[in-house]
Amino acid sequence: MTNQYEVPAEMRDFAERSVAQARKAFEGFIGAVQKAAETVETTPGMPATAKETSAKAISYAEKNVTAALDLAEKLVHAKDPQEVLKLQTEYVQAQMASIQEQTKDFGDSMGKAIGLKK
């Protein structure tokens, strides 16, 4: 009996290349964002809290997009719909935990920036 979920090799190869290209494009983009942020951070009078907040936002974006690209890479190699569902469930659970952590951390940073927290 053949696997009804089997993806043609050409499609899988195309998907792998697409994910790799997306990852490379994102790495170039995030590198440019980091350089721009470094330039802004050297601006005289820029508060340290603004620098910290900017760095955290960039870090969160990088972490979240990397997680999505990692998921895409895993999905390309999924063997059946059950594995797809398992990977997606794991990703959603991990992202929910990550977003909660990021929200708390970012909220703490913003509180410090406006003087509500020390």
PDB file of N, CA and C in Angstrom:
ATOM      1  N   MET A   1       0.836  -1.179   0.000  1.00  0.00           N
ATOM      2  CA  MET A   1       0.000   0.000   0.000  1.00  0.00           C
ATOM      3  C   MET A   1       0.885   1.248   0.000  1.00  0.00           C
ATOM      4  N   THR A   2       0.611   2.183  -0.863  1.00  0.00           N
ATOM      5  CA  THR A   2       1.427   3.385  -0.947  1.00  0.00           C
ATOM      6  C   THR A   2       0.943   4.422   0.046  1.00  0.00           C
ATOM      7  N   ASN A   3       1.833   5.264   0.424  1.00  0.00           N
ATOM      8  CA  ASN A   3       1.513   6.348   1.344  1.00  0.00           C
ATOM      9  C   ASN A   3       0.730   7.417   0.585  1.00  0.00           C
ATOM     10  N   GLN A   4      -0.512   7.643   0.964  1.00  0.00           N
ATOM     11  CA  GLN A   4      -1.353   8.611   0.264  1.00  0.00           C
ATOM     12  C   GLN A   4      -0.873  10.045   0.487  1.00  0.00           C
ATOM     13  N   TYR A   5      -0.056  10.258   1.488  1.00  0.00           N
ATOM     14  CA  TYR A   5       0.429  11.595   1.817  1.00  0.00           C
ATOM     15  C   TYR A   5       1.720  11.940   1.087  1.00  0.00           C
ATOM     16  N   GLU A   6       2.267  11.009   0.391  1.00  0.00           N
ATOM     17  CA  GLU A   6       3.579  11.191  -0.227  1.00  0.00           C
ATOM     18  C   GLU A   6       3.604  12.426  -1.130  1.00  0.00           C
ATOM     19  N   VAL A   7       4.583  13.260  -0.884  1.00  0.00           N
ATOM     20  CA  VAL A   7       4.775  14.484  -1.658  1.00  0.00           C
ATOM     21  C   VAL A   7       5.830  14.199  -2.715  1.00  0.00           C
ATOM     22  N   PRO A   8       5.564  14.575  -3.959  1.00  0.00           N
ATOM     23  CA  PRO A   8       6.568  14.355  -5.005  1.00  0.00           C
ATOM     24  C   PRO A   8       7.904  15.013  -4.638  1.00  0.00           C
ATOM     25  N   ALA A   9       8.976  14.336  -4.970  1.00  0.00           N
ATOM     26  CA  ALA A   9      10.321  14.813  -4.628  1.00  0.00           C
ATOM     27  C   ALA A   9      10.576  16.224  -5.156  1.00  0.00           C
ATOM     28  N   GLU A  10      10.069  16.529  -6.350  1.00  0.00           N
ATOM     29  CA  GLU A  10      10.287  17.856  -6.925  1.00  0.00           C
ATOM     30  C   GLU A  10       9.632  18.948  -6.071  1.00  0.00           C
ATOM     31  N   MET A  11       8.434  18.649  -5.578  1.00  0.00           N
ATOM     32  CA  MET A  11       7.731  19.621  -4.732  1.00  0.00           C
ATOM     33  C   MET A  11       8.461  19.808  -3.401  1.00  0.00           C
ATOM     34  N   ARG A  12       8.930  18.697  -2.840  1.00  0.00           N
ATOM     35  CA  ARG A  12       9.651  18.767  -1.561  1.00  0.00           C
ATOM     36  C   ARG A  12      10.950  19.562  -1.754  1.00  0.00           C
ATOM     37  N   ASP A  13      11.668  19.311  -2.847  1.00  0.00           N
ATOM     38  CA  ASP A  13      12.902  20.053  -3.135  1.00  0.00           C
ATOM     39  C   ASP A  13      12.619  21.541  -3.293  1.00  0.00           C
ATOM     40  N   PHE A  14      11.555  21.862  -4.018  1.00  0.00           N
ATOM     41  CA  PHE A  14      11.174  23.264  -4.204  1.00  0.00           C
ATOM     42  C   PHE A  14      10.853  23.912  -2.858  1.00  0.00           C
ATOM     43  N   ALA A  15      10.107  23.213  -2.016  1.00  0.00           N
ATOM     44  CA  ALA A  15       9.751  23.744  -0.701  1.00  0.00           C
ATOM     45  C   ALA A  15      11.003  23.958   0.156  1.00  0.00           C
ATOM     46  N   GLU A  16      11.925  23.003   0.114  1.00  0.00           N
ATOM     47  CA  GLU A  16      13.174  23.148   0.875  1.00  0.00           C
ATOM     48  C   GLU A  16      13.957  24.376   0.422  1.00  0.00           C
ATOM     49  N   ARG A  17      14.059  24.553  -0.900  1.00  0.00           N
ATOM     50  CA  ARG A  17      14.777  25.718  -1.434  1.00  0.00           C
ATOM     51  C   ARG A  17      14.071  27.012  -1.041  1.00  0.00           C
ATOM     52  N   SER A  18      12.761  27.002  -1.065  1.00  0.00           N
ATOM     53  CA  SER A  18      11.989  28.200  -0.710  1.00  0.00           C
ATOM     54  C   SER A  18      12.215  28.584   0.751  1.00  0.00           C
ATOM     55  N   VAL A  19      12.207  27.609   1.624  1.00  0.00           N
ATOM     56  CA  VAL A  19      12.449  27.882   3.046  1.00  0.00           C
ATOM     57  C   VAL A  19      13.873  28.404   3.237  1.00  0.00           C
ATOM     58  N   ALA A  20      14.827  27.793   2.568  1.00  0.00           N
ATOM     59  CA  ALA A  20      16.222  28.245   2.679  1.00  0.00           C
ATOM     60  C   ALA A  20      16.371  29.680   2.166  1.00  0.00           C
ATOM     61  N   GLN A  21      15.708  29.994   1.060  1.00  0.00           N
ATOM     62  CA  GLN A  21      15.766  31.358   0.521  1.00  0.00           C
ATOM     63  C   GLN A  21      15.097  32.351   1.465  1.00  0.00           C
ATOM     64  N   ALA A  22      13.988  31.962   2.055  1.00  0.00           N
ATOM     65  CA  ALA A  22      13.300  32.844   3.008  1.00  0.00           C
ATOM     66  C   ALA A  22      14.185  33.090   4.225  1.00  0.00           C
ATOM     67  N   ARG A  23      14.847  32.049   4.708  1.00  0.00           N
ATOM     68  CA  ARG A  23      15.735  32.191   5.862  1.00  0.00           C
ATOM     69  C   ARG A  23      16.893  33.138   5.523  1.00  0.00           C
ATOM     70  N   LYS A  24      17.483  32.963   4.343  1.00  0.00           N
ATOM     71  CA  LYS A  24      18.602  33.816   3.923  1.00  0.00           C
ATOM     72  C   LYS A  24      18.144  35.270   3.779  1.00  0.00           C
ATOM     73  N   ALA A  25      16.977  35.469   3.195  1.00  0.00           N
ATOM     74  CA  ALA A  25      16.447  36.827   3.043  1.00  0.00           C
ATOM     75  C   ALA A  25      16.196  37.457   4.407  1.00  0.00           C
ATOM     76  N   PHE A  26      15.647  36.694   5.325  1.00  0.00           N
ATOM     77  CA  PHE A  26      15.378  37.232   6.661  1.00  0.00           C
ATOM     78  C   PHE A  26      16.673  37.570   7.377  1.00  0.00           C
ATOM     79  N   GLU A  27      17.681  36.714   7.245  1.00  0.00           N
ATOM     80  CA  GLU A  27      18.975  36.996   7.881  1.00  0.00           C
ATOM     81  C   GLU A  27      19.552  38.308   7.364  1.00  0.00           C
ATOM     82  N   GLY A  28      19.428  38.554   6.060  1.00  0.00           N
ATOM     83  CA  GLY A  28      19.887  39.826   5.499  1.00  0.00           C
ATOM     84  C   GLY A  28      19.088  40.991   6.034  1.00  0.00           C
ATOM     85  N   PHE A  29      17.783  40.817   6.114  1.00  0.00           N
ATOM     86  CA  PHE A  29      16.907  41.869   6.628  1.00  0.00           C
ATOM     87  C   PHE A  29      17.217  42.174   8.090  1.00  0.00           C
ATOM     88  N   ILE A  30      17.317  41.151   8.919  1.00  0.00           N
ATOM     89  CA  ILE A  30      17.540  41.380  10.351  1.00  0.00           C
ATOM     90  C   ILE A  30      18.925  41.992  10.573  1.00  0.00           C
ATOM     91  N   GLY A  31      19.889  41.633   9.731  1.00  0.00           N
ATOM     92  CA  GLY A  31      21.216  42.251   9.824  1.00  0.00           C
ATOM     93  C   GLY A  31      21.141  43.744   9.543  1.00  0.00           C
ATOM     94  N   ALA A  32      20.357  44.121   8.538  1.00  0.00           N
ATOM     95  CA  ALA A  32      20.189  45.541   8.218  1.00  0.00           C
ATOM     96  C   ALA A  32      19.467  46.271   9.349  1.00  0.00           C
ATOM     97  N   VAL A  33      18.476  45.627   9.931  1.00  0.00           N
ATOM     98  CA  VAL A  33      17.737  46.233  11.051  1.00  0.00           C
ATOM     99  C   VAL A  33      18.677  46.440  12.235  1.00  0.00           C
ATOM    100  N   GLN A  34      19.512  45.454  12.525  1.00  0.00           N
ATOM    101  CA  GLN A  34      20.444  45.572  13.643  1.00  0.00           C
ATOM    102  C   GLN A  34      21.448  46.703  13.412  1.00  0.00           C
ATOM    103  N   LYS A  35      21.932  46.836  12.186  1.00  0.00           N
ATOM    104  CA  LYS A  35      22.859  47.936  11.880  1.00  0.00           C
ATOM    105  C   LYS A  35      22.174  49.289  12.043  1.00  0.00           C
ATOM    106  N   ALA A  36      20.946  49.383  11.571  1.00  0.00           N
ATOM    107  CA  ALA A  36      20.193  50.631  11.713  1.00  0.00           C
ATOM    108  C   ALA A  36      19.977  50.949  13.192  1.00  0.00           C
ATOM    109  N   ALA A  37      19.655  49.936  13.979  1.00  0.00           N
ATOM    110  CA  ALA A  37      19.443  50.141  15.414  1.00  0.00           C
ATOM    111  C   ALA A  37      20.734  50.591  16.092  1.00  0.00           C
ATOM    112  N   GLU A  38      21.859  50.023  15.684  1.00  0.00           N
ATOM    113  CA  GLU A  38      23.151  50.427  16.249  1.00  0.00           C
ATOM    114  C   GLU A  38      23.427  51.895  15.946  1.00  0.00           C
ATOM    115  N   THR A  39      23.069  52.329  14.757  1.00  0.00           N
ATOM    116  CA  THR A  39      23.261  53.731  14.383  1.00  0.00           C
ATOM    117  C   THR A  39      22.404  54.635  15.261  1.00  0.00           C
ATOM    118  N   VAL A  40      21.164  54.243  15.462  1.00  0.00           N
ATOM    119  CA  VAL A  40      20.257  55.039  16.307  1.00  0.00           C
ATOM    120  C   VAL A  40      20.755  55.048  17.745  1.00  0.00           C
ATOM    121  N   GLU A  41      21.258  53.913  18.210  1.00  0.00           N
ATOM    122  CA  GLU A  41      21.724  53.810  19.588  1.00  0.00           C
ATOM    123  C   GLU A  41      22.902  54.728  19.885  1.00  0.00           C
ATOM    124  N   THR A  42      23.668  55.091  18.865  1.00  0.00           N
ATOM    125  CA  THR A  42      24.813  55.976  19.078  1.00  0.00           C
ATOM    126  C   THR A  42      24.417  57.448  19.015  1.00  0.00           C
ATOM    127  N   THR A  43      23.129  57.706  18.798  1.00  0.00           N
ATOM    128  CA  THR A  43      22.646  59.080  18.753  1.00  0.00           C
ATOM    129  C   THR A  43      22.790  59.705  20.140  1.00  0.00           C
ATOM    130  N   PRO A  44      23.447  60.860  20.212  1.00  0.00           N
ATOM    131  CA  PRO A  44      23.596  61.521  21.507  1.00  0.00           C
ATOM    132  C   PRO A  44      22.220  61.786  22.139  1.00  0.00           C
ATOM    133  N   GLY A  45      22.155  61.541  23.438  1.00  0.00           N
ATOM    134  CA  GLY A  45      20.918  61.798  24.160  1.00  0.00           C
ATOM    135  C   GLY A  45      19.913  60.660  24.116  1.00  0.00           C
ATOM    136  N   MET A  46      20.230  59.593  23.424  1.00  0.00           N
ATOM    137  CA  MET A  46      19.311  58.449  23.349  1.00  0.00           C
ATOM    138  C   MET A  46      19.301  57.752  24.703  1.00  0.00           C
ATOM    139  N   PRO A  47      18.144  57.676  25.343  1.00  0.00           N
ATOM    140  CA  PRO A  47      18.080  57.025  26.664  1.00  0.00           C
ATOM    141  C   PRO A  47      18.455  55.548  26.584  1.00  0.00           C
ATOM    142  N   ALA A  48      19.111  55.067  27.622  1.00  0.00           N
ATOM    143  CA  ALA A  48      19.524  53.660  27.664  1.00  0.00           C
ATOM    144  C   ALA A  48      18.313  52.740  27.579  1.00  0.00           C
ATOM    145  N   THR A  49      17.205  53.162  28.174  1.00  0.00           N
ATOM    146  CA  THR A  49      16.011  52.311  28.138  1.00  0.00           C
ATOM    147  C   THR A  49      15.475  52.175  26.712  1.00  0.00           C
ATOM    148  N   ALA A  50      15.609  53.206  25.905  1.00  0.00           N
ATOM    149  CA  ALA A  50      15.166  53.127  24.507  1.00  0.00           C
ATOM    150  C   ALA A  50      16.046  52.141  23.742  1.00  0.00           C
ATOM    151  N   LYS A  51      17.329  52.171  24.021  1.00  0.00           N
ATOM    152  CA  LYS A  51      18.254  51.230  23.378  1.00  0.00           C
ATOM    153  C   LYS A  51      17.892  49.797  23.766  1.00  0.00           C
ATOM    154  N   GLU A  52      17.634  49.591  25.052  1.00  0.00           N
ATOM    155  CA  GLU A  52      17.296  48.258  25.560  1.00  0.00           C
ATOM    156  C   GLU A  52      15.987  47.768  24.945  1.00  0.00           C
ATOM    157  N   THR A  53      15.001  48.627  24.884  1.00  0.00           N
ATOM    158  CA  THR A  53      13.703  48.267  24.339  1.00  0.00           C
ATOM    159  C   THR A  53      13.814  47.926  22.856  1.00  0.00           C
ATOM    160  N   SER A  54      14.567  48.711  22.122  1.00  0.00           N
ATOM    161  CA  SER A  54      14.780  48.456  20.699  1.00  0.00           C
ATOM    162  C   SER A  54      15.473  47.115  20.479  1.00  0.00           C
ATOM    163  N   ALA A  55      16.497  46.852  21.259  1.00  0.00           N
ATOM    164  CA  ALA A  55      17.236  45.593  21.136  1.00  0.00           C
ATOM    165  C   ALA A  55      16.333  44.397  21.441  1.00  0.00           C
ATOM    166  N   LYS A  56      15.482  44.545  22.454  1.00  0.00           N
ATOM    167  CA  LYS A  56      14.573  43.452  22.801  1.00  0.00           C
ATOM    168  C   LYS A  56      13.562  43.211  21.683  1.00  0.00           C
ATOM    169  N   ALA A  57      13.011  44.267  21.143  1.00  0.00           N
ATOM    170  CA  ALA A  57      12.020  44.119  20.066  1.00  0.00           C
ATOM    171  C   ALA A  57      12.635  43.405  18.865  1.00  0.00           C
ATOM    172  N   ILE A  58      13.853  43.776  18.517  1.00  0.00           N
ATOM    173  CA  ILE A  58      14.539  43.128  17.390  1.00  0.00           C
ATOM    174  C   ILE A  58      14.805  41.656  17.718  1.00  0.00           C
ATOM    175  N   SER A  59      15.238  41.397  18.936  1.00  0.00           N
ATOM    176  CA  SER A  59      15.515  40.032  19.357  1.00  0.00           C
ATOM    177  C   SER A  59      14.253  39.171  19.323  1.00  0.00           C
ATOM    178  N   TYR A  60      13.142  39.717  19.788  1.00  0.00           N
ATOM    179  CA  TYR A  60      11.879  38.977  19.766  1.00  0.00           C
ATOM    180  C   TYR A  60      11.459  38.674  18.331  1.00  0.00           C
ATOM    181  N   ALA A  61      11.560  39.652  17.472  1.00  0.00           N
ATOM    182  CA  ALA A  61      11.181  39.450  16.068  1.00  0.00           C
ATOM    183  C   ALA A  61      12.046  38.357  15.445  1.00  0.00           C
ATOM    184  N   GLU A  62      13.329  38.429  15.695  1.00  0.00           N
ATOM    185  CA  GLU A  62      14.244  37.432  15.146  1.00  0.00           C
ATOM    186  C   GLU A  62      13.900  36.035  15.664  1.00  0.00           C
ATOM    187  N   LYS A  63      13.656  35.926  16.955  1.00  0.00           N
ATOM    188  CA  LYS A  63      13.329  34.631  17.559  1.00  0.00           C
ATOM    189  C   LYS A  63      12.025  34.071  16.983  1.00  0.00           C
ATOM    190  N   ASN A  64      11.017  34.918  16.831  1.00  0.00           N
ATOM    191  CA  ASN A  64       9.714  34.457  16.350  1.00  0.00           C
ATOM    192  C   ASN A  64       9.752  34.048  14.880  1.00  0.00           C
ATOM    193  N   VAL A  65      10.436  34.820  14.062  1.00  0.00           N
ATOM    194  CA  VAL A  65      10.531  34.464  12.641  1.00  0.00           C
ATOM    195  C   VAL A  65      11.387  33.205  12.469  1.00  0.00           C
ATOM    196  N   THR A  66      12.450  33.097  13.232  1.00  0.00           N
ATOM    197  CA  THR A  66      13.291  31.896  13.162  1.00  0.00           C
ATOM    198  C   THR A  66      12.480  30.655  13.547  1.00  0.00           C
ATOM    199  N   ALA A  67      11.646  30.771  14.577  1.00  0.00           N
ATOM    200  CA  ALA A  67      10.802  29.639  14.982  1.00  0.00           C
ATOM    201  C   ALA A  67       9.845  29.250  13.860  1.00  0.00           C
ATOM    202  N   ALA A  68       9.274  30.241  13.179  1.00  0.00           N
ATOM    203  CA  ALA A  68       8.360  29.956  12.066  1.00  0.00           C
ATOM    204  C   ALA A  68       9.102  29.293  10.910  1.00  0.00           C
ATOM    205  N   LEU A  69      10.299  29.759  10.611  1.00  0.00           N
ATOM    206  CA  LEU A  69      11.093  29.144   9.544  1.00  0.00           C
ATOM    207  C   LEU A  69      11.512  27.727   9.913  1.00  0.00           C
ATOM    208  N   ASP A  70      11.843  27.517  11.180  1.00  0.00           N
ATOM    209  CA  ASP A  70      12.191  26.172  11.641  1.00  0.00           C
ATOM    210  C   ASP A  70      10.988  25.236  11.469  1.00  0.00           C
ATOM    211  N   LEU A  71       9.797  25.738  11.802  1.00  0.00           N
ATOM    212  CA  LEU A  71       8.588  24.940  11.615  1.00  0.00           C
ATOM    213  C   LEU A  71       8.406  24.596  10.138  1.00  0.00           C
ATOM    214  N   ALA A  72       8.548  25.576   9.277  1.00  0.00           N
ATOM    215  CA  ALA A  72       8.383  25.337   7.839  1.00  0.00           C
ATOM    216  C   ALA A  72       9.346  24.263   7.356  1.00  0.00           C
ATOM    217  N   GLU A  73      10.574  24.329   7.848  1.00  0.00           N
ATOM    218  CA  GLU A  73      11.580  23.333   7.466  1.00  0.00           C
ATOM    219  C   GLU A  73      11.157  21.931   7.919  1.00  0.00           C
ATOM    220  N   LYS A  74      10.633  21.839   9.136  1.00  0.00           N
ATOM    221  CA  LYS A  74      10.173  20.546   9.646  1.00  0.00           C
ATOM    222  C   LYS A  74       8.959  20.046   8.861  1.00  0.00           C
ATOM    223  N   LEU A  75       8.049  20.949   8.531  1.00  0.00           N
ATOM    224  CA  LEU A  75       6.847  20.552   7.800  1.00  0.00           C
ATOM    225  C   LEU A  75       7.184  20.003   6.420  1.00  0.00           C
ATOM    226  N   VAL A  76       8.214  20.544   5.804  1.00  0.00           N
ATOM    227  CA  VAL A  76       8.644  20.053   4.482  1.00  0.00           C
ATOM    228  C   VAL A  76       8.992  18.570   4.555  1.00  0.00           C
ATOM    229  N   HIS A  77       9.486  18.137   5.705  1.00  0.00           N
ATOM    230  CA  HIS A  77       9.928  16.757   5.862  1.00  0.00           C
ATOM    231  C   HIS A  77       8.907  15.863   6.574  1.00  0.00           C
ATOM    232  N   ALA A  78       7.731  16.403   6.885  1.00  0.00           N
ATOM    233  CA  ALA A  78       6.707  15.607   7.568  1.00  0.00           C
ATOM    234  C   ALA A  78       6.304  14.414   6.708  1.00  0.00           C
ATOM    235  N   LYS A  79       6.101  13.298   7.364  1.00  0.00           N
ATOM    236  CA  LYS A  79       5.807  12.056   6.645  1.00  0.00           C
ATOM    237  C   LYS A  79       4.311  11.813   6.454  1.00  0.00           C
ATOM    238  N   ASP A  80       3.500  12.422   7.335  1.00  0.00           N
ATOM    239  CA  ASP A  80       2.059  12.179   7.245  1.00  0.00           C
ATOM    240  C   ASP A  80       1.302  13.303   7.956  1.00  0.00           C
ATOM    241  N   PRO A  81      -0.019  13.348   7.790  1.00  0.00           N
ATOM    242  CA  PRO A  81      -0.808  14.426   8.418  1.00  0.00           C
ATOM    243  C   PRO A  81      -0.696  14.445   9.945  1.00  0.00           C
ATOM    244  N   GLN A  82      -0.519  13.291  10.562  1.00  0.00           N
ATOM    245  CA  GLN A  82      -0.375  13.250  12.019  1.00  0.00           C
ATOM    246  C   GLN A  82       0.896  13.976  12.462  1.00  0.00           C
ATOM    247  N   GLU A  83       1.965  13.794  11.695  1.00  0.00           N
ATOM    248  CA  GLU A  83       3.214  14.488  12.032  1.00  0.00           C
ATOM    249  C   GLU A  83       3.057  15.989  11.821  1.00  0.00           C
ATOM    250  N   VAL A  84       2.358  16.386  10.778  1.00  0.00           N
ATOM    251  CA  VAL A  84       2.091  17.811  10.534  1.00  0.00           C
ATOM    252  C   VAL A  84       1.346  18.396  11.723  1.00  0.00           C
ATOM    253  N   LEU A  85       0.307  17.709  12.174  1.00  0.00           N
ATOM    254  CA  LEU A  85      -0.488  18.187  13.304  1.00  0.00           C
ATOM    255  C   LEU A  85       0.356  18.269  14.573  1.00  0.00           C
ATOM    256  N   LYS A  86       1.180  17.254  14.795  1.00  0.00           N
ATOM    257  CA  LYS A  86       2.053  17.242  15.978  1.00  0.00           C
ATOM    258  C   LYS A  86       3.032  18.430  15.937  1.00  0.00           C
ATOM    259  N   LEU A  87       3.663  18.642  14.790  1.00  0.00           N
ATOM    260  CA  LEU A  87       4.611  19.753  14.654  1.00  0.00           C
ATOM    261  C   LEU A  87       3.928  21.096  14.863  1.00  0.00           C
ATOM    262  N   GLN A  88       2.746  21.242  14.281  1.00  0.00           N
ATOM    263  CA  GLN A  88       2.004  22.492  14.411  1.00  0.00           C
ATOM    264  C   GLN A  88       1.594  22.729  15.863  1.00  0.00           C
ATOM    265  N   THR A  89       1.143  21.684  16.536  1.00  0.00           N
ATOM    266  CA  THR A  89       0.732  21.799  17.940  1.00  0.00           C
ATOM    267  C   THR A  89       1.917  22.196  18.814  1.00  0.00           C
ATOM    268  N   GLU A  90       3.056  21.550  18.606  1.00  0.00           N
ATOM    269  CA  GLU A  90       4.263  21.879  19.370  1.00  0.00           C
ATOM    270  C   GLU A  90       4.683  23.326  19.129  1.00  0.00           C
ATOM    271  N   TYR A  91       4.606  23.748  17.877  1.00  0.00           N
ATOM    272  CA  TYR A  91       4.975  25.120  17.528  1.00  0.00           C
ATOM    273  C   TYR A  91       4.054  26.121  18.224  1.00  0.00           C
ATOM    274  N   VAL A  92       2.755  25.894  18.154  1.00  0.00           N
ATOM    275  CA  VAL A  92       1.799  26.824  18.771  1.00  0.00           C
ATOM    276  C   VAL A  92       2.022  26.892  20.281  1.00  0.00           C
ATOM    277  N   GLN A  93       2.224  25.753  20.916  1.00  0.00           N
ATOM    278  CA  GLN A  93       2.464  25.737  22.358  1.00  0.00           C
ATOM    279  C   GLN A  93       3.741  26.496  22.717  1.00  0.00           C
ATOM    280  N   ALA A  94       4.800  26.250  21.972  1.00  0.00           N
ATOM    281  CA  ALA A  94       6.067  26.936  22.239  1.00  0.00           C
ATOM    282  C   ALA A  94       5.940  28.436  21.994  1.00  0.00           C
ATOM    283  N   GLN A  95       5.233  28.818  20.930  1.00  0.00           N
ATOM    284  CA  GLN A  95       5.067  30.241  20.623  1.00  0.00           C
ATOM    285  C   GLN A  95       4.210  30.941  21.679  1.00  0.00           C
ATOM    286  N   MET A  96       3.188  30.273  22.167  1.00  0.00           N
ATOM    287  CA  MET A  96       2.358  30.879  23.213  1.00  0.00           C
ATOM    288  C   MET A  96       3.193  31.152  24.465  1.00  0.00           C
ATOM    289  N   ALA A  97       4.020  30.188  24.845  1.00  0.00           N
ATOM    290  CA  ALA A  97       4.897  30.378  26.006  1.00  0.00           C
ATOM    291  C   ALA A  97       5.889  31.501  25.740  1.00  0.00           C
ATOM    292  N   SER A  98       6.431  31.526  24.541  1.00  0.00           N
ATOM    293  CA  SER A  98       7.408  32.553  24.179  1.00  0.00           C
ATOM    294  C   SER A  98       6.769  33.940  24.187  1.00  0.00           C
ATOM    295  N   ILE A  99       5.576  34.045  23.634  1.00  0.00           N
ATOM    296  CA  ILE A  99       4.893  35.345  23.585  1.00  0.00           C
ATOM    297  C   ILE A  99       4.556  35.830  24.994  1.00  0.00           C
ATOM    298  N   GLN A 100       4.146  34.924  25.868  1.00  0.00           N
ATOM    299  CA  GLN A 100       3.868  35.315  27.253  1.00  0.00           C
ATOM    300  C   GLN A 100       5.129  35.858  27.913  1.00  0.00           C
ATOM    301  N   GLU A 101       6.229  35.156  27.728  1.00  0.00           N
ATOM    302  CA  GLU A 101       7.504  35.585  28.299  1.00  0.00           C
ATOM    303  C   GLU A 101       7.935  36.938  27.717  1.00  0.00           C
ATOM    304  N   GLN A 102       7.823  37.075  26.400  1.00  0.00           N
ATOM    305  CA  GLN A 102       8.217  38.320  25.740  1.00  0.00           C
ATOM    306  C   GLN A 102       7.341  39.486  26.193  1.00  0.00           C
ATOM    307  N   THR A 103       6.050  39.241  26.324  1.00  0.00           N
ATOM    308  CA  THR A 103       5.127  40.290  26.745  1.00  0.00           C
ATOM    309  C   THR A 103       5.469  40.771  28.153  1.00  0.00           C
ATOM    310  N   LYS A 104       5.714  39.830  29.055  1.00  0.00           N
ATOM    311  CA  LYS A 104       6.078  40.201  30.424  1.00  0.00           C
ATOM    312  C   LYS A 104       7.384  40.981  30.439  1.00  0.00           C
ATOM    313  N   ASP A 105       8.377  40.462  29.746  1.00  0.00           N
ATOM    314  CA  ASP A 105       9.690  41.103  29.714  1.00  0.00           C
ATOM    315  C   ASP A 105       9.608  42.502  29.089  1.00  0.00           C
ATOM    316  N   PHE A 106       8.880  42.599  27.970  1.00  0.00           N
ATOM    317  CA  PHE A 106       8.746  43.892  27.300  1.00  0.00           C
ATOM    318  C   PHE A 106       7.966  44.866  28.182  1.00  0.00           C
ATOM    319  N   GLY A 107       6.929  44.379  28.852  1.00  0.00           N
ATOM    320  CA  GLY A 107       6.160  45.218  29.771  1.00  0.00           C
ATOM    321  C   GLY A 107       7.024  45.737  30.907  1.00  0.00           C
ATOM    322  N   ASP A 108       7.874  44.876  31.452  1.00  0.00           N
ATOM    323  CA  ASP A 108       8.797  45.301  32.506  1.00  0.00           C
ATOM    324  C   ASP A 108       9.738  46.387  31.991  1.00  0.00           C
ATOM    325  N   SER A 109      10.258  46.190  30.786  1.00  0.00           N
ATOM    326  CA  SER A 109      11.167  47.185  30.194  1.00  0.00           C
ATOM    327  C   SER A 109      10.464  48.524  29.971  1.00  0.00           C
ATOM    328  N   MET A 110       9.241  48.452  29.467  1.00  0.00           N
ATOM    329  CA  MET A 110       8.486  49.686  29.232  1.00  0.00           C
ATOM    330  C   MET A 110       8.161  50.380  30.549  1.00  0.00           C
ATOM    331  N   GLY A 111       7.851  49.593  31.578  1.00  0.00           N
ATOM    332  CA  GLY A 111       7.600  50.166  32.895  1.00  0.00           C
ATOM    333  C   GLY A 111       8.817  50.900  33.428  1.00  0.00           C
ATOM    334  N   LYS A 112       9.988  50.309  33.223  1.00  0.00           N
ATOM    335  CA  LYS A 112      11.242  50.972  33.636  1.00  0.00           C
ATOM    336  C   LYS A 112      11.458  52.239  32.813  1.00  0.00           C
ATOM    337  N   ALA A 113      11.172  52.164  31.532  1.00  0.00           N
ATOM    338  CA  ALA A 113      11.412  53.291  30.633  1.00  0.00           C
ATOM    339  C   ALA A 113      10.576  54.510  31.022  1.00  0.00           C
ATOM    340  N   ILE A 114       9.365  54.270  31.502  1.00  0.00           N
ATOM    341  CA  ILE A 114       8.510  55.422  31.862  1.00  0.00           C
ATOM    342  C   ILE A 114       8.506  55.669  33.371  1.00  0.00           C
ATOM    343  N   GLY A 115       9.359  54.948  34.092  1.00  0.00           N
ATOM    344  CA  GLY A 115       9.535  55.220  35.516  1.00  0.00           C
ATOM    345  C   GLY A 115       8.561  54.527  36.439  1.00  0.00           C
ATOM    346  N   LEU A 116       7.828  53.529  35.953  1.00  0.00           N
ATOM    347  CA  LEU A 116       6.881  52.824  36.817  1.00  0.00           C
ATOM    348  C   LEU A 116       7.537  51.698  37.597  1.00  0.00           C
ATOM    349  N   LYS A 117       8.644  51.180  37.074  1.00  0.00           N
ATOM    350  CA  LYS A 117       9.346  50.068  37.725  1.00  0.00           C
ATOM    351  C   LYS A 117      10.819  50.407  37.809  1.00  0.00           C
ATOM    352  N   LYS A 118      11.458  49.729  38.745  1.00  0.00           N
ATOM    353  CA  LYS A 118      12.905  49.912  38.896  1.00  0.00           C
ATOM    354  C   LYS A 118      13.632  48.640  38.590  1.00  0.00           C
TER     355      LYS A 118
END
